[in-house]
C-alpha atoms as a PDB file:
ATOM      1  CA  MET A   1       0.000   0.000   0.000  1.00  0.00           C
ATOM      2  CA  SER A   2       2.806   2.422   0.787  1.00  0.00           C
ATOM      3  CA  SER A   3       4.299   2.042  -2.704  1.00  0.00           C
ATOM      4  CA  ILE A   4       0.984   3.125  -4.258  1.00  0.00           C
ATOM      5  CA  ASN A   5       0.855   6.173  -2.003  1.00  0.00           C
ATOM      6  CA  THR A   6       4.436   7.022  -2.947  1.00  0.00           C
ATOM      7  CA  LEU A   7       3.582   6.794  -6.649  1.00  0.00           C
ATOM      8  CA  LEU A   8       0.511   8.963  -6.200  1.00  0.00           C
ATOM      9  CA  GLN A   9       2.512  11.593  -4.327  1.00  0.00           C
ATOM     10  CA  GLY A  10       5.188  11.536  -7.016  1.00  0.00           C
ATOM     11  CA  GLY A  11       2.524  12.040  -9.669  1.00  0.00           C
ATOM     12  CA  ALA A  12       1.110  15.004  -7.779  1.00  0.00           C
ATOM     13  CA  ASP A  13       4.574  16.538  -7.530  1.00  0.00           C
ATOM     14  CA  LEU A  14       5.088  16.009 -11.248  1.00  0.00           C
ATOM     15  CA  ALA A  15       1.713  17.577 -12.054  1.00  0.00           C
ATOM     16  CA  ALA A  16       2.572  20.576  -9.867  1.00  0.00           C
ATOM     17  CA  ALA A  17       5.893  20.953 -11.650  1.00  0.00           C
ATOM     18  CA  TYR A  18       4.188  20.832 -15.047  1.00  0.00           C
ATOM     19  CA  SER A  19       1.583  23.383 -13.998  1.00  0.00           C
ATOM     20  CA  LYS A  20       4.307  25.746 -12.777  1.00  0.00           C
ATOM     21  CA  MET A  21       6.240  25.304 -15.995  1.00  0.00           C
ATOM     22  CA  GLY A  22       3.073  25.933 -18.005  1.00  0.00           C
ATOM     23  CA  ALA A  23       2.303  29.066 -16.003  1.00  0.00           C
ATOM     24  CA  ALA A  24       5.803  30.414 -16.555  1.00  0.00           C
ATOM     25  CA  ILE A  25       5.617  29.734 -20.286  1.00  0.00           C
ATOM     26  CA  GLY A  26       2.144  31.305 -20.433  1.00  0.00           C
ATOM     27  CA  ALA A  27       3.335  34.481 -18.719  1.00  0.00           C
ATOM     28  CA  GLY A  28       6.270  34.712 -21.110  1.00  0.00           C
ATOM     29  CA  LEU A  29       4.081  34.232 -24.163  1.00  0.00           C
ATOM     30  CA  ALA A  30       1.644  36.858 -22.894  1.00  0.00           C
ATOM     31  CA  ALA A  31       4.482  39.376 -22.508  1.00  0.00           C
ATOM     32  CA  ILE A  32       5.852  38.595 -25.975  1.00  0.00           C
ATOM     33  CA  GLY A  33       2.370  38.903 -27.476  1.00  0.00           C
ATOM     34  CA  ALA A  34       1.874  42.268 -25.802  1.00  0.00           C
ATOM     35  CA  GLY A  35       5.156  43.555 -27.171  1.00  0.00           C
ATOM     36  CA  LEU A  36       4.284  42.453 -30.668  1.00  0.00           C
ATOM     37  CA  GLY A  37       0.736  43.811 -30.461  1.00  0.00           C
ATOM     38  CA  ILE A  38       1.659  47.219 -29.102  1.00  0.00           C
ATOM     39  CA  GLY A  39       4.522  47.473 -31.591  1.00  0.00           C
ATOM     40  CA  ARG A  40       2.144  46.763 -34.439  1.00  0.00           C
ATOM     41  CA  ILE A  41      -0.338  49.321 -33.118  1.00  0.00           C
ATOM     42  CA  GLY A  42       2.414  51.951 -32.930  1.00  0.00           C
ATOM     43  CA  GLY A  43       3.736  51.136 -36.397  1.00  0.00           C
ATOM     44  CA  SER A  44       0.292  51.328 -37.951  1.00  0.00           C
ATOM     45  CA  ALA A  45      -0.373  54.611 -36.178  1.00  0.00           C
ATOM     46  CA  MET A  46       2.864  56.083 -37.541  1.00  0.00           C
ATOM     47  CA  GLU A  47       1.900  55.015 -41.075  1.00  0.00           C
ATOM     48  CA  SER A  48      -1.539  56.579 -40.636  1.00  0.00           C
ATOM     49  CA  ILE A  49      -0.053  59.825 -39.347  1.00  0.00           C
ATOM     50  CA  ALA A  50       2.364  59.900 -42.290  1.00  0.00           C
ATOM     51  CA  ARG A  51      -0.542  59.540 -44.716  1.00  0.00           C
ATOM     52  CA  GLN A  52      -2.863  62.022 -42.972  1.00  0.00           C
ATOM     53  CA  PRO A  53      -0.964  64.396 -40.695  1.00  0.00           C
ATOM     54  CA  GLU A  54      -4.114  66.417 -40.014  1.00  0.00           C
ATOM     55  CA  ALA A  55      -5.655  63.433 -38.192  1.00  0.00           C
ATOM     56  CA  LEU A  56      -2.821  63.264 -35.661  1.00  0.00           C
ATOM     57  CA  GLY A  57      -4.980  63.826 -32.559  1.00  0.00           C
ATOM     58  CA  ASP A  58      -7.608  61.227 -33.448  1.00  0.00           C
ATOM     59  CA  ILE A  59      -5.032  58.620 -34.439  1.00  0.00           C
ATOM     60  CA  ARG A  60      -3.008  59.185 -31.270  1.00  0.00           C
ATOM     61  CA  ALA A  61      -6.068  58.882 -29.046  1.00  0.00           C
ATOM     62  CA  ASN A  62      -7.193  55.671 -30.746  1.00  0.00           C
ATOM     63  CA  MET A  63      -3.663  54.272 -30.551  1.00  0.00           C
ATOM     64  CA  ILE A  64      -3.473  54.890 -26.805  1.00  0.00           C
ATOM     65  CA  VAL A  65      -6.884  53.289 -26.213  1.00  0.00           C
ATOM     66  CA  ALA A  66      -5.968  50.222 -28.277  1.00  0.00           C
ATOM     67  CA  ALA A  67      -2.593  49.860 -26.534  1.00  0.00           C
ATOM     68  CA  ALA A  68      -4.274  50.165 -23.129  1.00  0.00           C
ATOM     69  CA  LEU A  69      -6.757  47.409 -24.040  1.00  0.00           C
ATOM     70  CA  VAL A  70      -3.942  45.110 -25.155  1.00  0.00           C
ATOM     71  CA  GLU A  71      -1.981  45.881 -22.008  1.00  0.00           C
ATOM     72  CA  GLY A  72      -5.004  45.214 -19.791  1.00  0.00           C
ATOM     73  CA  ALA A  73      -5.591  41.817 -21.374  1.00  0.00           C
ATOM     74  CA  VAL A  74      -1.927  40.930 -20.932  1.00  0.00           C
ATOM     75  CA  PHE A  75      -1.921  41.987 -17.279  1.00  0.00           C
ATOM     76  CA  PHE A  76      -4.920  39.736 -16.743  1.00  0.00           C
ATOM     77  CA  ALA A  77      -3.114  36.816 -18.420  1.00  0.00           C
ATOM     78  CA  ILE A  78       0.027  37.371 -16.371  1.00  0.00           C
ATOM     79  CA  VAL A  79      -1.959  37.564 -13.116  1.00  0.00           C
ATOM     80  CA  VAL A  80      -3.699  34.289 -13.952  1.00  0.00           C
ATOM     81  CA  CYS A  81      -0.330  32.667 -14.682  1.00  0.00           C
ATOM     82  CA  LEU A  82       1.125  33.998 -11.430  1.00  0.00           C
ATOM     83  CA  LEU A  83      -1.868  32.677  -9.495  1.00  0.00           C
ATOM     84  CA  ILE A  84      -1.308  29.260 -11.018  1.00  0.00           C
ATOM     85  CA  LEU A  85       2.392  29.519 -10.251  1.00  0.00           C
ATOM     86  CA  PHE A  86       2.056  30.429  -6.582  1.00  0.00           C
ATOM     87  CA  LEU A  87      -1.182  28.695  -5.556  1.00  0.00           C
END
């Protein structure tokens, strides 16, 4: 009976290790995705401003709102990954 309990405890430790590894990878991917997304938003905004300089204020405001939405979603993803990592 004790060997079965040992195997079950080892499996739980392995599952915990995999969940921590998955959480760390998830947080990293969320940060990379945010960098790519915000970079693309900024690049597209610069192209738009170059094409229509008179729309600078509207484009800038929309760019900031879009970047804030991306950043908020990424913060949520990172918090979820950290909760998985530490709980």
